[in-house]
Each structure stands twice: as C-alpha cells, then as structure tokens.
Amino acid sequence: MDFNLPPELAAYLEELDRFIAAEIKPLEQADDNIRFFDHRREHARTDWDAGGLPRHEWEALLAEARRRADKAGHFRFALPKELGGKAGGNLAMAV
C-alpha cells in the first residue's frame, strides 16, 4: 500500500505553509496579537467580565485571519473553485 501523499497535495501543503508564513505569522506578530496565540493565555482571549465571552480584539483578529484565508482560497478549501474554494478532496481535508 502506498502511503505517500499525491504530488498535488504535497504542493498544496507547501502553498499553505507559504500562506501562513506570509499572512498569518505577520498578523500574529502585529501589535500585541502574540498574547492571543499562547495556549496558556486563555485570559487574553476571554472577557471574564462579560460572562466568559471571547474578547472583541480576539474575535476581530480571528475575522481578519479568516478573511485572509478566504481570499487565498483556503477557508473554503473543499468547495469548487467557482465558489471560492480549491475543490479539495477528502484525503486533502483529512491531511
């Protein structure tokens, strides 16, 4: 049985890595956003005075990351290209 990734999937993973390096990492490093990315800092993401809801800054950061991923075609990966996706199959989504 062949467990190697298909070349087109390996190429997509490289594309995704480049996207993360070019778009998400700078977003993480901008302003004081790094405080949200450490899993030990739930307090930075949570507004305890508002009943434990996510902080507005965290929601805005997620929305910007989602917008960038959608623009690049990664957010709707499994959808057809004409709907803004990359027509990703089940194997690609599992990886």
C-alpha atoms as a PDB file:
ATOM      1  CA  MET A   1       0.000   0.000   0.000  1.00  0.00           C
ATOM      2  CA  ASP A   2       1.328   3.441  -0.969  1.00  0.00           C
ATOM      3  CA  PHE A   3       1.170   5.959   1.874  1.00  0.00           C
ATOM      4  CA  ASN A   4       2.910   8.772   0.013  1.00  0.00           C
ATOM      5  CA  LEU A   5       0.948  11.960  -0.468  1.00  0.00           C
ATOM      6  CA  PRO A   6      -0.090  12.702  -4.037  1.00  0.00           C
ATOM      7  CA  PRO A   7       2.167  15.369  -5.602  1.00  0.00           C
ATOM      8  CA  GLU A   8      -0.700  17.873  -5.939  1.00  0.00           C
ATOM      9  CA  LEU A   9      -1.482  17.531  -2.218  1.00  0.00           C
ATOM     10  CA  ALA A  10       2.172  17.959  -1.257  1.00  0.00           C
ATOM     11  CA  ALA A  11       2.259  21.075  -3.460  1.00  0.00           C
ATOM     12  CA  TYR A  12      -0.873  22.422  -1.772  1.00  0.00           C
ATOM     13  CA  LEU A  13       0.645  21.884   1.680  1.00  0.00           C
ATOM     14  CA  GLU A  14       3.679  23.894   0.568  1.00  0.00           C
ATOM     15  CA  GLU A  15       1.337  26.621  -0.697  1.00  0.00           C
ATOM     16  CA  LEU A  16      -0.485  26.605   2.636  1.00  0.00           C
ATOM     17  CA  ASP A  17       2.816  26.857   4.534  1.00  0.00           C
ATOM     18  CA  ARG A  18       3.799  29.865   2.392  1.00  0.00           C
ATOM     19  CA  PHE A  19       0.411  31.485   3.061  1.00  0.00           C
ATOM     20  CA  ILE A  20       0.807  31.014   6.815  1.00  0.00           C
ATOM     21  CA  ALA A  21       4.320  32.469   6.730  1.00  0.00           C
ATOM     22  CA  ALA A  22       3.277  35.435   4.577  1.00  0.00           C
ATOM     23  CA  GLU A  23      -0.142  36.270   6.037  1.00  0.00           C
ATOM     24  CA  ILE A  24      -0.834  34.668   9.414  1.00  0.00           C
ATOM     25  CA  LYS A  25       2.567  34.918  11.106  1.00  0.00           C
ATOM     26  CA  PRO A  26       2.815  38.692  10.464  1.00  0.00           C
ATOM     27  CA  LEU A  27      -0.722  39.062  11.820  1.00  0.00           C
ATOM     28  CA  GLU A  28       0.353  37.138  14.918  1.00  0.00           C
ATOM     29  CA  GLN A  29       3.372  39.423  15.385  1.00  0.00           C
ATOM     30  CA  ALA A  30       1.485  42.690  14.743  1.00  0.00           C
ATOM     31  CA  ASP A  31       0.615  44.973  17.628  1.00  0.00           C
ATOM     32  CA  ASP A  32       0.159  42.858  20.764  1.00  0.00           C
ATOM     33  CA  ASN A  33      -1.513  39.915  18.989  1.00  0.00           C
ATOM     34  CA  ILE A  34       1.079  37.388  20.154  1.00  0.00           C
ATOM     35  CA  ARG A  35      -0.719  37.331  23.511  1.00  0.00           C
ATOM     36  CA  PHE A  36      -3.646  35.524  21.901  1.00  0.00           C
ATOM     37  CA  PHE A  37      -1.627  32.687  20.375  1.00  0.00           C
ATOM     38  CA  ASP A  38      -0.163  31.137  23.512  1.00  0.00           C
ATOM     39  CA  HIS A  39      -2.494  28.337  24.644  1.00  0.00           C
ATOM     40  CA  ARG A  40      -1.661  29.117  28.271  1.00  0.00           C
ATOM     41  CA  ARG A  41      -3.129  32.598  27.937  1.00  0.00           C
ATOM     42  CA  GLU A  42      -6.814  31.882  27.773  1.00  0.00           C
ATOM     43  CA  HIS A  43      -7.320  35.034  29.836  1.00  0.00           C
ATOM     44  CA  ALA A  44      -6.046  37.138  26.918  1.00  0.00           C
ATOM     45  CA  ARG A  45      -8.822  35.756  24.713  1.00  0.00           C
ATOM     46  CA  THR A  46     -11.609  35.642  27.306  1.00  0.00           C
ATOM     47  CA  ASP A  47     -13.600  38.563  28.695  1.00  0.00           C
ATOM     48  CA  TRP A  48     -14.451  37.298  32.165  1.00  0.00           C
ATOM     49  CA  ASP A  49     -16.445  40.458  32.939  1.00  0.00           C
ATOM     50  CA  ALA A  50     -18.756  39.598  30.039  1.00  0.00           C
ATOM     51  CA  GLY A  51     -19.572  36.097  31.252  1.00  0.00           C
ATOM     52  CA  GLY A  52     -16.563  34.418  29.666  1.00  0.00           C
ATOM     53  CA  LEU A  53     -17.289  35.520  26.106  1.00  0.00           C
ATOM     54  CA  PRO A  54     -14.377  35.964  23.709  1.00  0.00           C
ATOM     55  CA  ARG A  55     -12.786  39.410  23.781  1.00  0.00           C
ATOM     56  CA  HIS A  56     -13.667  41.687  20.870  1.00  0.00           C
ATOM     57  CA  GLU A  57      -9.978  42.013  19.960  1.00  0.00           C
ATOM     58  CA  TRP A  58      -9.674  38.227  19.667  1.00  0.00           C
ATOM     59  CA  GLU A  59     -12.822  37.993  17.542  1.00  0.00           C
ATOM     60  CA  ALA A  60     -11.525  40.771  15.269  1.00  0.00           C
ATOM     61  CA  LEU A  61      -8.185  39.003  14.882  1.00  0.00           C
ATOM     62  CA  LEU A  62      -9.915  35.725  14.001  1.00  0.00           C
ATOM     63  CA  ALA A  63     -12.124  37.543  11.491  1.00  0.00           C
ATOM     64  CA  GLU A  64      -9.067  39.067   9.802  1.00  0.00           C
ATOM     65  CA  ALA A  65      -7.294  35.696   9.643  1.00  0.00           C
ATOM     66  CA  ARG A  66     -10.473  34.144   8.227  1.00  0.00           C
ATOM     67  CA  ARG A  67     -10.772  36.964   5.647  1.00  0.00           C
ATOM     68  CA  ARG A  68      -7.185  36.423   4.507  1.00  0.00           C
ATOM     69  CA  ALA A  69      -7.624  32.653   4.313  1.00  0.00           C
ATOM     70  CA  ASP A  70     -10.850  33.066   2.354  1.00  0.00           C
ATOM     71  CA  LYS A  71      -9.249  35.497  -0.090  1.00  0.00           C
ATOM     72  CA  ALA A  72      -6.475  32.951  -0.720  1.00  0.00           C
ATOM     73  CA  GLY A  73      -8.987  30.110  -1.196  1.00  0.00           C
ATOM     74  CA  HIS A  74      -8.017  28.181   1.928  1.00  0.00           C
ATOM     75  CA  PHE A  75     -11.057  28.877   4.101  1.00  0.00           C
ATOM     76  CA  ARG A  76     -13.483  27.266   1.648  1.00  0.00           C
ATOM     77  CA  PHE A  77     -10.940  24.664   0.546  1.00  0.00           C
ATOM     78  CA  ALA A  78     -13.411  21.851  -0.183  1.00  0.00           C
ATOM     79  CA  LEU A  79     -15.770  23.996  -2.263  1.00  0.00           C
ATOM     80  CA  PRO A  80     -15.498  24.206  -6.054  1.00  0.00           C
ATOM     81  CA  LYS A  81     -13.222  26.898  -7.478  1.00  0.00           C
ATOM     82  CA  GLU A  82     -16.189  28.865  -8.835  1.00  0.00           C
ATOM     83  CA  LEU A  83     -17.412  29.219  -5.224  1.00  0.00           C
ATOM     84  CA  GLY A  84     -14.061  30.453  -3.936  1.00  0.00           C
ATOM     85  CA  GLY A  85     -12.586  27.127  -2.894  1.00  0.00           C
ATOM     86  CA  LYS A  86      -9.908  24.827  -4.222  1.00  0.00           C
ATOM     87  CA  ALA A  87     -12.063  21.733  -4.853  1.00  0.00           C
ATOM     88  CA  GLY A  88     -10.156  19.839  -2.170  1.00  0.00           C
ATOM     89  CA  GLY A  89     -10.987  16.175  -1.790  1.00  0.00           C
ATOM     90  CA  ASN A  90     -11.457  14.029   1.294  1.00  0.00           C
ATOM     91  CA  LEU A  91      -7.802  12.970   1.503  1.00  0.00           C
ATOM     92  CA  ALA A  92      -6.635  16.578   1.398  1.00  0.00           C
ATOM     93  CA  MET A  93      -9.116  17.584   4.081  1.00  0.00           C
ATOM     94  CA  ALA A  94      -8.004  14.676   6.272  1.00  0.00           C
ATOM     95  CA  VAL A  95      -4.348  15.628   5.970  1.00  0.00           C
END
